[in-house]
């Protein structure tokens, strides 16, 4: 049987589309169909632009770390978080849009990266 944390995570993942749909319907009621549709499409466009800009930055940082003969763990985790953020922005819904944007902005992504690395490094030690 799975642990309690795993079960909670699965339930949250299953509940996310329902929460997103409820918020989207509420936003549609307040703003109207066309403005809501514009906001969803606009979030995807902004996310794609942020992913392109931040992706170039991360690639540059990976090359810099590799040239210095260091393992680019921060940049690899940033890349993973940015891809997750971009996928969330492609899903229609305000909740996934907000989470996706938070994963694409460096100011909010860096604390998440640090927390992720602390958790991973607690279980895995690689001396490179």
N, C-alpha and C. Protein backbone atom coordinates (compact mmCIF):
# COMPACT_ATOMS: atom_id res chain seq x y z
N UNK A 1 0.84 -1.18 0.00
CA UNK A 1 0.00 0.00 0.00
C UNK A 1 0.88 1.24 0.00
N UNK A 2 0.41 2.33 -0.57
CA UNK A 2 1.18 3.56 -0.64
C UNK A 2 1.15 4.31 0.68
N UNK A 3 2.10 5.18 0.82
CA UNK A 3 2.15 5.98 2.04
C UNK A 3 1.04 7.03 2.01
N UNK A 4 0.83 7.65 3.14
CA UNK A 4 -0.21 8.68 3.24
C UNK A 4 0.11 9.87 2.35
N UNK A 5 1.39 10.26 2.28
CA UNK A 5 1.78 11.38 1.43
C UNK A 5 1.47 11.09 -0.04
N UNK A 6 1.71 9.87 -0.47
CA UNK A 6 1.44 9.50 -1.85
C UNK A 6 -0.05 9.56 -2.15
N UNK A 7 -0.85 9.08 -1.25
CA UNK A 7 -2.31 9.10 -1.43
C UNK A 7 -2.82 10.53 -1.49
N UNK A 8 -2.32 11.40 -0.60
CA UNK A 8 -2.72 12.80 -0.60
C UNK A 8 -2.31 13.47 -1.91
N UNK A 9 -1.10 13.18 -2.39
CA UNK A 9 -0.63 13.76 -3.64
C UNK A 9 -1.51 13.32 -4.81
N UNK A 10 -1.87 12.06 -4.86
CA UNK A 10 -2.74 11.56 -5.94
C UNK A 10 -4.11 12.23 -5.87
N UNK A 11 -4.66 12.38 -4.67
CA UNK A 11 -5.96 13.05 -4.52
C UNK A 11 -5.89 14.51 -4.95
N UNK A 12 -4.79 15.18 -4.62
CA UNK A 12 -4.63 16.58 -5.04
C UNK A 12 -4.54 16.69 -6.56
N UNK A 13 -3.81 15.78 -7.18
CA UNK A 13 -3.68 15.79 -8.64
C UNK A 13 -5.03 15.53 -9.29
N UNK A 14 -5.81 14.63 -8.72
CA UNK A 14 -7.13 14.34 -9.27
C UNK A 14 -8.12 15.49 -9.03
N UNK A 15 -7.95 16.22 -7.94
CA UNK A 15 -8.87 17.32 -7.62
C UNK A 15 -8.53 18.58 -8.40
N UNK A 16 -7.30 18.73 -8.85
CA UNK A 16 -6.88 19.97 -9.53
C UNK A 16 -7.76 20.33 -10.73
N UNK A 17 -8.07 19.41 -11.63
CA UNK A 17 -8.94 19.80 -12.76
C UNK A 17 -10.32 20.27 -12.31
N UNK A 18 -10.86 19.68 -11.26
CA UNK A 18 -12.17 20.11 -10.77
C UNK A 18 -12.10 21.51 -10.16
N UNK A 19 -11.06 21.77 -9.40
CA UNK A 19 -10.88 23.11 -8.82
C UNK A 19 -10.66 24.13 -9.93
N UNK A 20 -9.82 23.77 -10.91
CA UNK A 20 -9.55 24.66 -12.03
C UNK A 20 -10.83 24.98 -12.81
N UNK A 21 -11.64 23.97 -13.04
CA UNK A 21 -12.89 24.17 -13.76
C UNK A 21 -13.84 25.07 -12.97
N UNK A 22 -13.94 24.85 -11.67
CA UNK A 22 -14.81 25.68 -10.84
C UNK A 22 -14.35 27.14 -10.86
N UNK A 23 -13.05 27.37 -10.74
CA UNK A 23 -12.53 28.74 -10.76
C UNK A 23 -12.73 29.35 -12.14
N UNK A 24 -12.50 28.57 -13.19
CA UNK A 24 -12.67 29.06 -14.56
C UNK A 24 -14.13 29.46 -14.81
N UNK A 25 -15.07 28.67 -14.34
CA UNK A 25 -16.48 29.01 -14.51
C UNK A 25 -16.84 30.27 -13.72
N UNK A 26 -16.26 30.42 -12.54
CA UNK A 26 -16.50 31.63 -11.76
C UNK A 26 -15.93 32.86 -12.46
N UNK A 27 -14.73 32.73 -13.00
CA UNK A 27 -14.11 33.84 -13.74
C UNK A 27 -14.95 34.17 -14.97
N UNK A 28 -15.43 33.14 -15.66
CA UNK A 28 -16.27 33.36 -16.85
C UNK A 28 -17.54 34.13 -16.49
N UNK A 29 -18.10 33.79 -15.34
CA UNK A 29 -19.32 34.48 -14.91
C UNK A 29 -19.03 35.96 -14.63
N UNK A 30 -17.86 36.25 -14.08
CA UNK A 30 -17.49 37.64 -13.74
C UNK A 30 -17.05 38.44 -14.97
N UNK A 31 -16.22 37.82 -15.83
CA UNK A 31 -15.62 38.55 -16.95
C UNK A 31 -16.33 38.34 -18.28
N UNK A 32 -17.04 37.26 -18.41
CA UNK A 32 -17.64 36.92 -19.69
C UNK A 32 -16.76 35.90 -20.42
N UNK A 33 -17.35 35.30 -21.44
CA UNK A 33 -16.67 34.21 -22.15
C UNK A 33 -15.43 34.71 -22.88
N UNK A 34 -15.54 35.81 -23.61
CA UNK A 34 -14.43 36.24 -24.46
C UNK A 34 -13.24 36.74 -23.65
N UNK A 35 -13.50 37.46 -22.59
CA UNK A 35 -12.38 37.92 -21.74
C UNK A 35 -11.71 36.75 -21.04
N UNK A 36 -12.51 35.80 -20.61
CA UNK A 36 -11.94 34.61 -19.96
C UNK A 36 -11.09 33.83 -20.96
N UNK A 37 -11.62 33.64 -22.16
CA UNK A 37 -10.86 32.95 -23.20
C UNK A 37 -9.58 33.71 -23.53
N UNK A 38 -9.66 35.03 -23.60
CA UNK A 38 -8.48 35.85 -23.84
C UNK A 38 -7.45 35.71 -22.73
N UNK A 39 -7.91 35.64 -21.50
CA UNK A 39 -6.99 35.48 -20.37
C UNK A 39 -6.29 34.12 -20.41
N UNK A 40 -7.02 33.09 -20.76
CA UNK A 40 -6.42 31.75 -20.85
C UNK A 40 -5.39 31.70 -21.97
N UNK A 41 -5.75 32.24 -23.13
CA UNK A 41 -4.82 32.25 -24.27
C UNK A 41 -3.63 33.18 -23.97
N UNK A 42 -3.92 34.33 -23.35
CA UNK A 42 -2.85 35.25 -22.99
C UNK A 42 -1.85 34.64 -22.02
N UNK A 43 -2.34 33.88 -21.05
CA UNK A 43 -1.44 33.22 -20.10
C UNK A 43 -0.54 32.22 -20.81
N UNK A 44 -1.09 31.50 -21.78
CA UNK A 44 -0.28 30.54 -22.54
C UNK A 44 0.79 31.26 -23.36
N UNK A 45 0.44 32.39 -23.97
CA UNK A 45 1.41 33.15 -24.77
C UNK A 45 2.51 33.73 -23.87
N UNK A 46 2.11 34.33 -22.75
CA UNK A 46 3.10 34.87 -21.82
C UNK A 46 4.00 33.75 -21.30
N UNK A 47 3.42 32.62 -21.00
CA UNK A 47 4.21 31.49 -20.53
C UNK A 47 5.21 31.00 -21.57
N UNK A 48 4.79 30.95 -22.82
CA UNK A 48 5.70 30.53 -23.88
C UNK A 48 6.86 31.52 -24.02
N UNK A 49 6.55 32.82 -23.92
CA UNK A 49 7.61 33.82 -23.99
C UNK A 49 8.57 33.73 -22.82
N UNK A 50 8.03 33.56 -21.61
CA UNK A 50 8.89 33.41 -20.44
C UNK A 50 9.75 32.15 -20.53
N UNK A 51 9.16 31.07 -21.02
CA UNK A 51 9.92 29.83 -21.17
C UNK A 51 11.07 30.02 -22.15
N UNK A 52 10.83 30.74 -23.24
CA UNK A 52 11.89 30.97 -24.21
C UNK A 52 13.02 31.80 -23.60
N UNK A 53 12.68 32.88 -22.93
CA UNK A 53 13.70 33.75 -22.34
C UNK A 53 14.45 33.02 -21.23
N UNK A 54 13.71 32.40 -20.33
CA UNK A 54 14.36 31.71 -19.22
C UNK A 54 15.12 30.47 -19.69
N UNK A 55 14.63 29.83 -20.74
CA UNK A 55 15.33 28.66 -21.29
C UNK A 55 16.69 29.03 -21.84
N UNK A 56 16.78 30.15 -22.52
CA UNK A 56 18.06 30.62 -23.03
C UNK A 56 19.01 30.92 -21.88
N UNK A 57 18.49 31.55 -20.83
CA UNK A 57 19.32 31.85 -19.66
C UNK A 57 19.85 30.58 -19.01
N UNK A 58 18.98 29.58 -18.82
CA UNK A 58 19.39 28.33 -18.19
C UNK A 58 20.42 27.61 -19.05
N UNK A 59 20.22 27.60 -20.36
CA UNK A 59 21.18 26.96 -21.25
C UNK A 59 22.55 27.64 -21.14
N UNK A 60 22.56 28.95 -21.08
CA UNK A 60 23.82 29.70 -20.92
C UNK A 60 24.49 29.33 -19.60
N UNK A 61 23.69 29.21 -18.54
CA UNK A 61 24.25 28.85 -17.23
C UNK A 61 24.79 27.42 -17.22
N UNK A 62 24.11 26.50 -17.90
CA UNK A 62 24.59 25.11 -17.99
C UNK A 62 25.94 25.09 -18.69
N UNK A 63 26.08 25.83 -19.76
CA UNK A 63 27.36 25.88 -20.48
C UNK A 63 28.45 26.49 -19.61
N UNK A 64 28.11 27.52 -18.85
CA UNK A 64 29.10 28.15 -17.97
C UNK A 64 29.57 27.17 -16.89
N UNK A 65 28.64 26.45 -16.30
CA UNK A 65 28.99 25.47 -15.28
C UNK A 65 29.83 24.34 -15.86
N UNK A 66 29.46 23.89 -17.05
CA UNK A 66 30.21 22.81 -17.70
C UNK A 66 31.63 23.27 -18.04
N UNK A 67 31.77 24.51 -18.47
CA UNK A 67 33.11 25.04 -18.79
C UNK A 67 33.97 25.12 -17.53
N UNK A 68 33.34 25.35 -16.39
CA UNK A 68 34.07 25.41 -15.12
C UNK A 68 34.22 24.01 -14.50
N UNK A 69 33.78 22.99 -15.22
CA UNK A 69 33.85 21.59 -14.77
C UNK A 69 33.07 21.34 -13.48
N UNK A 70 31.90 21.98 -13.39
CA UNK A 70 31.00 21.76 -12.26
C UNK A 70 29.70 21.15 -12.77
N UNK A 71 29.10 20.33 -11.94
CA UNK A 71 27.82 19.72 -12.30
C UNK A 71 26.71 20.76 -12.18
N UNK A 72 25.92 20.99 -13.24
CA UNK A 72 24.91 22.06 -13.22
C UNK A 72 23.59 21.64 -12.59
N UNK A 73 23.62 21.24 -11.32
CA UNK A 73 22.40 20.73 -10.68
C UNK A 73 21.31 21.80 -10.58
N UNK A 74 21.69 23.03 -10.22
CA UNK A 74 20.68 24.09 -10.11
C UNK A 74 20.00 24.34 -11.45
N UNK A 75 20.79 24.37 -12.51
CA UNK A 75 20.25 24.64 -13.83
C UNK A 75 19.37 23.49 -14.32
N UNK A 76 19.73 22.27 -13.98
CA UNK A 76 18.91 21.13 -14.39
C UNK A 76 17.57 21.13 -13.67
N UNK A 77 17.59 21.46 -12.39
CA UNK A 77 16.32 21.53 -11.64
C UNK A 77 15.49 22.72 -12.16
N UNK A 78 16.15 23.84 -12.45
CA UNK A 78 15.43 24.98 -13.05
C UNK A 78 14.75 24.56 -14.35
N UNK A 79 15.46 23.81 -15.17
CA UNK A 79 14.89 23.35 -16.44
C UNK A 79 13.66 22.49 -16.20
N UNK A 80 13.75 21.57 -15.26
CA UNK A 80 12.62 20.71 -14.93
C UNK A 80 11.42 21.53 -14.45
N UNK A 81 11.67 22.47 -13.55
CA UNK A 81 10.57 23.30 -13.03
C UNK A 81 9.96 24.16 -14.13
N UNK A 82 10.79 24.65 -15.04
CA UNK A 82 10.27 25.49 -16.13
C UNK A 82 9.42 24.67 -17.10
N UNK A 83 9.83 23.44 -17.38
CA UNK A 83 9.03 22.59 -18.27
C UNK A 83 7.68 22.28 -17.61
N UNK A 84 7.70 21.98 -16.31
CA UNK A 84 6.45 21.73 -15.60
C UNK A 84 5.57 22.98 -15.64
N UNK A 85 6.18 24.16 -15.42
CA UNK A 85 5.43 25.40 -15.48
C UNK A 85 4.83 25.65 -16.85
N UNK A 86 5.59 25.37 -17.91
CA UNK A 86 5.08 25.57 -19.27
C UNK A 86 3.92 24.63 -19.56
N UNK A 87 4.02 23.39 -19.13
CA UNK A 87 2.92 22.43 -19.34
C UNK A 87 1.67 22.90 -18.58
N UNK A 88 1.86 23.39 -17.36
CA UNK A 88 0.72 23.88 -16.59
C UNK A 88 0.06 25.08 -17.27
N UNK A 89 0.86 25.93 -17.90
CA UNK A 89 0.29 27.08 -18.60
C UNK A 89 -0.50 26.67 -19.84
N UNK A 90 -0.15 25.55 -20.42
CA UNK A 90 -0.89 25.08 -21.60
C UNK A 90 -2.24 24.49 -21.22
N UNK A 91 -2.38 24.05 -19.98
CA UNK A 91 -3.67 23.53 -19.52
C UNK A 91 -4.59 24.72 -19.23
N UNK A 92 -5.82 24.67 -19.73
CA UNK A 92 -6.72 25.80 -19.47
C UNK A 92 -7.18 25.82 -18.02
N UNK A 93 -7.08 26.97 -17.43
CA UNK A 93 -7.56 27.12 -16.06
C UNK A 93 -6.69 28.08 -15.28
N UNK A 94 -7.31 28.91 -14.45
CA UNK A 94 -6.57 29.92 -13.70
C UNK A 94 -5.61 29.36 -12.66
N UNK A 95 -5.98 28.27 -12.00
CA UNK A 95 -5.12 27.72 -10.95
C UNK A 95 -3.83 27.19 -11.56
N UNK A 96 -3.93 26.42 -12.63
CA UNK A 96 -2.73 25.90 -13.27
C UNK A 96 -1.91 27.03 -13.89
N UNK A 97 -2.58 28.09 -14.37
CA UNK A 97 -1.86 29.24 -14.91
C UNK A 97 -1.02 29.92 -13.85
N UNK A 98 -1.59 30.13 -12.68
CA UNK A 98 -0.85 30.79 -11.60
C UNK A 98 0.34 29.94 -11.17
N UNK A 99 0.12 28.66 -10.97
CA UNK A 99 1.22 27.78 -10.57
C UNK A 99 2.28 27.73 -11.67
N UNK A 100 1.85 27.65 -12.92
CA UNK A 100 2.79 27.63 -14.04
C UNK A 100 3.63 28.90 -14.11
N UNK A 101 3.00 30.05 -13.93
CA UNK A 101 3.75 31.32 -13.93
C UNK A 101 4.72 31.39 -12.76
N UNK A 102 4.31 30.90 -11.61
CA UNK A 102 5.22 30.89 -10.46
C UNK A 102 6.46 30.03 -10.72
N UNK A 103 6.29 28.96 -11.48
CA UNK A 103 7.43 28.11 -11.80
C UNK A 103 8.31 28.71 -12.88
N UNK A 104 7.82 29.65 -13.64
CA UNK A 104 8.62 30.26 -14.69
C UNK A 104 9.38 31.50 -14.23
N UNK A 105 8.87 32.22 -13.23
CA UNK A 105 9.57 33.41 -12.75
C UNK A 105 10.72 33.01 -11.83
N UNK A 106 11.91 33.55 -12.07
CA UNK A 106 13.07 33.17 -11.25
C UNK A 106 12.88 33.47 -9.76
N UNK A 107 12.24 34.59 -9.42
CA UNK A 107 12.10 34.94 -8.00
C UNK A 107 11.27 33.93 -7.22
N UNK A 108 10.34 33.29 -7.87
CA UNK A 108 9.53 32.28 -7.19
C UNK A 108 10.05 30.86 -7.45
N UNK A 109 10.76 30.68 -8.55
CA UNK A 109 11.29 29.35 -8.87
C UNK A 109 12.50 28.99 -8.00
N UNK A 110 13.33 29.97 -7.67
CA UNK A 110 14.56 29.68 -6.93
C UNK A 110 14.27 29.09 -5.55
N UNK A 111 13.35 29.64 -4.76
CA UNK A 111 13.06 28.98 -3.47
C UNK A 111 12.51 27.57 -3.64
N UNK A 112 11.72 27.34 -4.67
CA UNK A 112 11.21 25.99 -4.93
C UNK A 112 12.35 25.05 -5.30
N UNK A 113 13.28 25.55 -6.12
CA UNK A 113 14.44 24.74 -6.49
C UNK A 113 15.26 24.39 -5.26
N UNK A 114 15.49 25.36 -4.40
CA UNK A 114 16.29 25.10 -3.20
C UNK A 114 15.61 24.07 -2.30
N UNK A 115 14.30 24.18 -2.13
CA UNK A 115 13.57 23.20 -1.32
C UNK A 115 13.63 21.82 -1.94
N UNK A 116 13.49 21.75 -3.26
CA UNK A 116 13.57 20.47 -3.96
C UNK A 116 14.95 19.84 -3.78
N UNK A 117 16.00 20.64 -3.96
CA UNK A 117 17.37 20.11 -3.83
C UNK A 117 17.66 19.66 -2.40
N UNK A 118 17.18 20.41 -1.41
CA UNK A 118 17.37 19.98 -0.02
C UNK A 118 16.73 18.63 0.22
N UNK A 119 15.54 18.47 -0.32
CA UNK A 119 14.83 17.19 -0.12
C UNK A 119 15.53 16.05 -0.84
N UNK A 120 15.97 16.28 -2.06
CA UNK A 120 16.65 15.23 -2.83
C UNK A 120 18.00 14.90 -2.20
N UNK A 121 18.74 15.93 -1.81
CA UNK A 121 20.07 15.70 -1.25
C UNK A 121 20.01 15.01 0.12
N UNK A 122 18.86 15.04 0.75
CA UNK A 122 18.71 14.31 2.01
C UNK A 122 18.75 12.80 1.76
N UNK A 123 18.33 12.38 0.58
CA UNK A 123 18.27 10.96 0.26
C UNK A 123 19.40 10.51 -0.68
N UNK A 124 19.92 11.43 -1.47
CA UNK A 124 20.93 11.07 -2.45
C UNK A 124 22.13 11.97 -2.26
N UNK A 125 23.32 11.36 -2.19
CA UNK A 125 24.55 12.14 -2.11
C UNK A 125 25.42 11.78 -3.30
N UNK A 126 25.73 12.77 -4.10
CA UNK A 126 26.60 12.55 -5.25
C UNK A 126 27.76 13.52 -5.12
N UNK A 127 28.95 12.99 -5.04
CA UNK A 127 30.14 13.83 -4.93
C UNK A 127 30.78 13.94 -6.30
N UNK A 128 30.44 15.02 -6.99
CA UNK A 128 30.99 15.22 -8.34
C UNK A 128 31.96 16.37 -8.29
